[in-house]
Amino acid sequence: MHLHGHDFQVTEYGPSGTQVDPDAPPIPVRKFSDWPMRRDTFVVPAFHYTKVRFHADNPGVWMFHCHMDVHFAMGLALTFVEAPDVLQKQQTIPQGLFDMCHRQ
């Protein structure tokens, strides 16, 4: 998984409760220290979850997605809209775009 516009920290990962092989020993949950390594991409093993944390201090619309094309095509992507009130104050829509909408 990859998050645009930020670095983040993986704070925990573990099994989602579904195991491929029910006879396999359970995989333990892994919790990290209070200050885990910063990154912008991580791997989520099959049937696992991952918890991340990041500072939401970069106003914008940021994509969070899987780098595997087949997963991306299946919808494993989302956007974070960060500080929409700040975005509305910082950005203006050009009059030409309004004019184009009114012509249609």
N, C-alpha and C. Protein backbone atom coordinates (compact mmCIF):
# COMPACT_ATOMS: atom_id res chain seq x y z
N MET A 1 0.85 -1.17 0.00
CA MET A 1 0.00 0.00 0.00
C MET A 1 0.90 1.24 0.00
N HIS A 2 0.41 2.30 -0.59
CA HIS A 2 1.19 3.52 -0.72
C HIS A 2 0.29 4.73 -0.46
N LEU A 3 0.78 5.67 0.32
CA LEU A 3 0.04 6.90 0.62
C LEU A 3 0.80 8.08 0.03
N HIS A 4 0.14 8.83 -0.83
CA HIS A 4 0.74 10.02 -1.43
C HIS A 4 0.70 11.17 -0.44
N GLY A 5 1.70 12.05 -0.51
CA GLY A 5 1.68 13.29 0.25
C GLY A 5 2.10 13.19 1.70
N HIS A 6 2.46 12.01 2.17
CA HIS A 6 2.80 11.83 3.58
C HIS A 6 3.83 10.73 3.76
N ASP A 7 4.52 10.79 4.87
CA ASP A 7 5.22 9.63 5.43
C ASP A 7 4.33 9.14 6.55
N PHE A 8 4.38 7.86 6.83
CA PHE A 8 3.58 7.32 7.92
C PHE A 8 4.38 6.29 8.68
N GLN A 9 3.82 5.82 9.76
CA GLN A 9 4.45 4.79 10.57
C GLN A 9 3.48 3.61 10.68
N VAL A 10 3.99 2.41 10.50
CA VAL A 10 3.20 1.20 10.74
C VAL A 10 3.27 0.93 12.24
N THR A 11 2.13 0.92 12.90
CA THR A 11 2.12 0.73 14.35
C THR A 11 1.77 -0.69 14.76
N GLU A 12 1.10 -1.43 13.85
CA GLU A 12 0.69 -2.79 14.19
C GLU A 12 0.28 -3.52 12.92
N TYR A 13 0.53 -4.82 12.90
CA TYR A 13 -0.07 -5.66 11.87
C TYR A 13 -0.27 -7.05 12.43
N GLY A 14 -1.18 -7.78 11.80
CA GLY A 14 -1.47 -9.12 12.27
C GLY A 14 -2.52 -9.78 11.40
N PRO A 15 -2.91 -11.00 11.77
CA PRO A 15 -3.90 -11.74 10.99
C PRO A 15 -5.28 -11.11 11.13
N SER A 16 -6.06 -11.21 10.07
CA SER A 16 -7.39 -10.61 10.08
C SER A 16 -8.43 -11.52 10.71
N GLY A 17 -8.04 -12.72 11.07
CA GLY A 17 -8.99 -13.67 11.64
C GLY A 17 -9.33 -14.79 10.67
N THR A 18 -8.93 -14.63 9.42
CA THR A 18 -9.15 -15.65 8.40
C THR A 18 -7.79 -16.27 8.07
N GLN A 19 -7.68 -17.58 8.20
CA GLN A 19 -6.42 -18.25 7.88
C GLN A 19 -6.62 -19.13 6.65
N VAL A 20 -5.62 -19.14 5.78
CA VAL A 20 -5.67 -19.98 4.59
C VAL A 20 -5.62 -21.45 5.00
N ASP A 21 -4.74 -21.76 5.94
CA ASP A 21 -4.59 -23.13 6.42
C ASP A 21 -5.04 -23.19 7.88
N PRO A 22 -6.22 -23.76 8.16
CA PRO A 22 -6.71 -23.77 9.54
C PRO A 22 -5.85 -24.59 10.50
N ASP A 23 -4.99 -25.47 9.96
CA ASP A 23 -4.12 -26.27 10.81
C ASP A 23 -2.80 -25.57 11.14
N ALA A 24 -2.54 -24.45 10.48
CA ALA A 24 -1.29 -23.72 10.72
C ALA A 24 -1.36 -23.02 12.07
N PRO A 25 -0.22 -22.86 12.73
CA PRO A 25 -0.23 -22.14 14.01
C PRO A 25 -0.64 -20.69 13.78
N PRO A 26 -1.31 -20.09 14.75
CA PRO A 26 -1.74 -18.69 14.58
C PRO A 26 -0.54 -17.76 14.47
N ILE A 27 -0.70 -16.75 13.64
CA ILE A 27 0.35 -15.75 13.47
C ILE A 27 0.13 -14.66 14.50
N PRO A 28 1.14 -14.33 15.27
CA PRO A 28 0.93 -13.33 16.32
C PRO A 28 0.78 -11.91 15.77
N VAL A 29 0.07 -11.09 16.53
CA VAL A 29 -0.04 -9.67 16.20
C VAL A 29 1.30 -9.04 16.52
N ARG A 30 1.79 -8.18 15.64
CA ARG A 30 3.08 -7.51 15.84
C ARG A 30 2.83 -6.05 16.13
N LYS A 31 3.21 -5.60 17.32
CA LYS A 31 3.08 -4.18 17.67
C LYS A 31 4.48 -3.58 17.69
N PHE A 32 4.57 -2.35 17.20
CA PHE A 32 5.86 -1.69 17.10
C PHE A 32 6.05 -0.72 18.25
N SER A 33 7.24 -0.20 18.38
CA SER A 33 7.56 0.75 19.45
C SER A 33 6.76 2.03 19.27
N ASP A 34 6.91 2.96 20.19
CA ASP A 34 6.22 4.24 20.10
C ASP A 34 6.71 5.07 18.92
N TRP A 35 7.91 4.80 18.42
CA TRP A 35 8.49 5.57 17.31
C TRP A 35 8.97 4.65 16.21
N PRO A 36 8.06 3.98 15.52
CA PRO A 36 8.50 3.09 14.44
C PRO A 36 9.02 3.86 13.24
N MET A 37 9.72 3.15 12.36
CA MET A 37 10.33 3.75 11.19
C MET A 37 9.28 4.42 10.30
N ARG A 38 9.65 5.56 9.71
CA ARG A 38 8.75 6.26 8.78
C ARG A 38 8.93 5.69 7.38
N ARG A 39 7.84 5.62 6.65
CA ARG A 39 7.87 5.07 5.30
C ARG A 39 6.71 5.64 4.50
N ASP A 40 6.64 5.34 3.20
CA ASP A 40 5.49 5.76 2.40
C ASP A 40 4.84 4.58 1.68
N THR A 41 5.40 3.38 1.86
CA THR A 41 4.86 2.17 1.24
C THR A 41 5.03 1.01 2.21
N PHE A 42 4.08 0.09 2.22
CA PHE A 42 4.22 -1.11 3.04
C PHE A 42 3.48 -2.26 2.37
N VAL A 43 3.84 -3.47 2.75
CA VAL A 43 3.22 -4.68 2.21
C VAL A 43 2.24 -5.22 3.24
N VAL A 44 1.04 -5.57 2.78
CA VAL A 44 0.05 -6.21 3.64
C VAL A 44 -0.05 -7.66 3.20
N PRO A 45 0.39 -8.61 4.04
CA PRO A 45 0.29 -10.02 3.65
C PRO A 45 -1.18 -10.43 3.48
N ALA A 46 -1.41 -11.47 2.71
CA ALA A 46 -2.77 -11.97 2.50
C ALA A 46 -3.44 -12.27 3.84
N PHE A 47 -4.69 -11.90 3.96
CA PHE A 47 -5.51 -12.15 5.15
C PHE A 47 -4.95 -11.50 6.40
N HIS A 48 -4.32 -10.33 6.24
CA HIS A 48 -3.76 -9.58 7.37
C HIS A 48 -4.30 -8.15 7.35
N TYR A 49 -4.12 -7.47 8.45
CA TYR A 49 -4.45 -6.05 8.53
C TYR A 49 -3.18 -5.30 8.91
N THR A 50 -3.17 -4.02 8.68
CA THR A 50 -2.06 -3.16 9.06
C THR A 50 -2.62 -1.84 9.58
N LYS A 51 -2.12 -1.39 10.73
CA LYS A 51 -2.51 -0.08 11.27
C LYS A 51 -1.37 0.90 11.01
N VAL A 52 -1.72 2.07 10.49
CA VAL A 52 -0.72 3.10 10.24
C VAL A 52 -1.15 4.39 10.93
N ARG A 53 -0.18 5.25 11.16
CA ARG A 53 -0.49 6.59 11.67
C ARG A 53 0.34 7.61 10.89
N PHE A 54 -0.27 8.78 10.71
CA PHE A 54 0.43 9.86 10.02
C PHE A 54 -0.12 11.18 10.50
N HIS A 55 0.70 12.22 10.36
CA HIS A 55 0.27 13.58 10.71
C HIS A 55 -0.54 14.13 9.55
N ALA A 56 -1.76 14.49 9.81
CA ALA A 56 -2.62 15.07 8.78
C ALA A 56 -2.35 16.57 8.73
N ASP A 57 -1.19 16.94 8.19
CA ASP A 57 -0.76 18.34 8.20
C ASP A 57 -0.41 18.84 6.79
N ASN A 58 -0.98 18.20 5.77
CA ASN A 58 -0.68 18.56 4.39
C ASN A 58 -2.00 18.66 3.62
N PRO A 59 -2.66 19.81 3.64
CA PRO A 59 -3.97 19.93 3.00
C PRO A 59 -3.93 19.49 1.54
N GLY A 60 -4.90 18.71 1.17
CA GLY A 60 -4.99 18.24 -0.21
C GLY A 60 -5.87 17.01 -0.31
N VAL A 61 -5.92 16.46 -1.49
CA VAL A 61 -6.64 15.21 -1.75
C VAL A 61 -5.57 14.18 -2.08
N TRP A 62 -5.39 13.21 -1.19
CA TRP A 62 -4.27 12.29 -1.29
C TRP A 62 -4.75 10.87 -1.54
N MET A 63 -4.11 10.21 -2.49
CA MET A 63 -4.49 8.85 -2.84
C MET A 63 -3.75 7.85 -1.96
N PHE A 64 -4.47 6.82 -1.55
CA PHE A 64 -3.94 5.70 -0.79
C PHE A 64 -4.33 4.46 -1.59
N HIS A 65 -3.34 3.71 -2.08
CA HIS A 65 -3.65 2.64 -3.03
C HIS A 65 -2.64 1.51 -2.97
N CYS A 66 -3.03 0.40 -3.58
CA CYS A 66 -2.16 -0.76 -3.73
C CYS A 66 -1.35 -0.60 -5.00
N HIS A 67 -0.08 -0.98 -4.97
CA HIS A 67 0.77 -0.90 -6.15
C HIS A 67 0.60 -2.08 -7.10
N MET A 68 -0.15 -3.08 -6.71
CA MET A 68 -0.41 -4.20 -7.62
C MET A 68 -1.59 -3.80 -8.51
N ASP A 69 -1.35 -3.73 -9.81
CA ASP A 69 -2.36 -3.23 -10.74
C ASP A 69 -3.68 -3.98 -10.64
N VAL A 70 -3.63 -5.30 -10.48
CA VAL A 70 -4.88 -6.06 -10.41
C VAL A 70 -5.68 -5.65 -9.18
N HIS A 71 -5.01 -5.40 -8.07
CA HIS A 71 -5.71 -4.95 -6.86
C HIS A 71 -6.26 -3.54 -7.05
N PHE A 72 -5.47 -2.69 -7.66
CA PHE A 72 -5.91 -1.32 -7.92
C PHE A 72 -7.16 -1.33 -8.81
N ALA A 73 -7.13 -2.17 -9.85
CA ALA A 73 -8.27 -2.27 -10.76
C ALA A 73 -9.51 -2.80 -10.06
N MET A 74 -9.33 -3.61 -9.02
CA MET A 74 -10.46 -4.15 -8.27
C MET A 74 -10.98 -3.17 -7.21
N GLY A 75 -10.34 -2.01 -7.14
CA GLY A 75 -10.85 -0.99 -6.24
C GLY A 75 -10.10 -0.80 -4.95
N LEU A 76 -8.91 -1.38 -4.83
CA LEU A 76 -8.14 -1.23 -3.60
C LEU A 76 -7.41 0.11 -3.62
N ALA A 77 -8.22 1.17 -3.53
CA ALA A 77 -7.71 2.53 -3.53
C ALA A 77 -8.75 3.43 -2.88
N LEU A 78 -8.28 4.50 -2.28
CA LEU A 78 -9.19 5.49 -1.71
C LEU A 78 -8.47 6.82 -1.66
N THR A 79 -9.21 7.87 -1.37
CA THR A 79 -8.59 9.19 -1.23
C THR A 79 -8.90 9.74 0.15
N PHE A 80 -7.94 10.43 0.70
CA PHE A 80 -8.11 11.19 1.93
C PHE A 80 -8.25 12.65 1.53
N VAL A 81 -9.32 13.28 1.95
CA VAL A 81 -9.48 14.72 1.75
C VAL A 81 -9.07 15.36 3.07
N GLU A 82 -7.93 16.00 3.04
CA GLU A 82 -7.32 16.53 4.26
C GLU A 82 -7.50 18.04 4.32
N ALA A 83 -8.09 18.50 5.39
CA ALA A 83 -8.32 19.93 5.65
C ALA A 83 -9.10 20.59 4.51
N PRO A 84 -10.33 20.11 4.23
CA PRO A 84 -11.08 20.69 3.12
C PRO A 84 -11.37 22.19 3.30
N ASP A 85 -11.51 22.63 4.54
CA ASP A 85 -11.75 24.05 4.77
C ASP A 85 -10.56 24.89 4.35
N VAL A 86 -9.36 24.38 4.59
CA VAL A 86 -8.14 25.09 4.16
C VAL A 86 -8.05 25.08 2.64
N LEU A 87 -8.36 23.95 2.02
CA LEU A 87 -8.32 23.85 0.56
C LEU A 87 -9.26 24.87 -0.08
N GLN A 88 -10.46 25.01 0.46
CA GLN A 88 -11.42 25.95 -0.11
C GLN A 88 -10.92 27.38 -0.04
N LYS A 89 -10.16 27.70 0.98
CA LYS A 89 -9.61 29.06 1.11
C LYS A 89 -8.40 29.27 0.20
N GLN A 90 -7.64 28.21 -0.07
CA GLN A 90 -6.40 28.33 -0.85
C GLN A 90 -6.63 28.27 -2.35
N GLN A 91 -7.70 27.61 -2.78
CA GLN A 91 -7.87 27.38 -4.21
C GLN A 91 -9.11 28.11 -4.72
N THR A 92 -9.00 28.60 -5.92
CA THR A 92 -10.14 29.22 -6.58
C THR A 92 -10.39 28.51 -7.90
N ILE A 93 -11.64 28.45 -8.29
CA ILE A 93 -12.00 27.83 -9.56
C ILE A 93 -12.01 28.92 -10.62
N PRO A 94 -11.25 28.73 -11.69
CA PRO A 94 -11.21 29.75 -12.74
C PRO A 94 -12.60 30.00 -13.34
N GLN A 95 -12.87 31.24 -13.66
CA GLN A 95 -14.17 31.62 -14.22
C GLN A 95 -14.48 30.82 -15.49
N GLY A 96 -13.47 30.50 -16.27
CA GLY A 96 -13.68 29.73 -17.49
C GLY A 96 -14.34 28.39 -17.24
N LEU A 97 -14.03 27.76 -16.11
CA LEU A 97 -14.68 26.48 -15.79
C LEU A 97 -16.15 26.68 -15.45
N PHE A 98 -16.47 27.74 -14.72
CA PHE A 98 -17.88 28.04 -14.44
C PHE A 98 -18.62 28.30 -15.76
N ASP A 99 -17.99 29.06 -16.65
CA ASP A 99 -18.62 29.38 -17.93
C ASP A 99 -18.89 28.11 -18.74
N MET A 100 -17.94 27.18 -18.72
CA MET A 100 -18.10 25.94 -19.46
C MET A 100 -19.27 25.13 -18.90
N CYS A 101 -19.42 25.10 -17.58
CA CYS A 101 -20.55 24.38 -16.97
C CYS A 101 -21.88 24.99 -17.37
N HIS A 102 -21.95 26.30 -17.41
CA HIS A 102 -23.21 26.97 -17.76
C HIS A 102 -23.58 26.77 -19.23
N ARG A 103 -22.59 26.55 -20.09
CA ARG A 103 -22.86 26.34 -21.52
C ARG A 103 -23.44 24.96 -21.79
N GLN A 104 -23.27 24.03 -20.88
CA GLN A 104 -23.72 22.65 -21.14
C GLN A 104 -25.15 22.44 -20.73
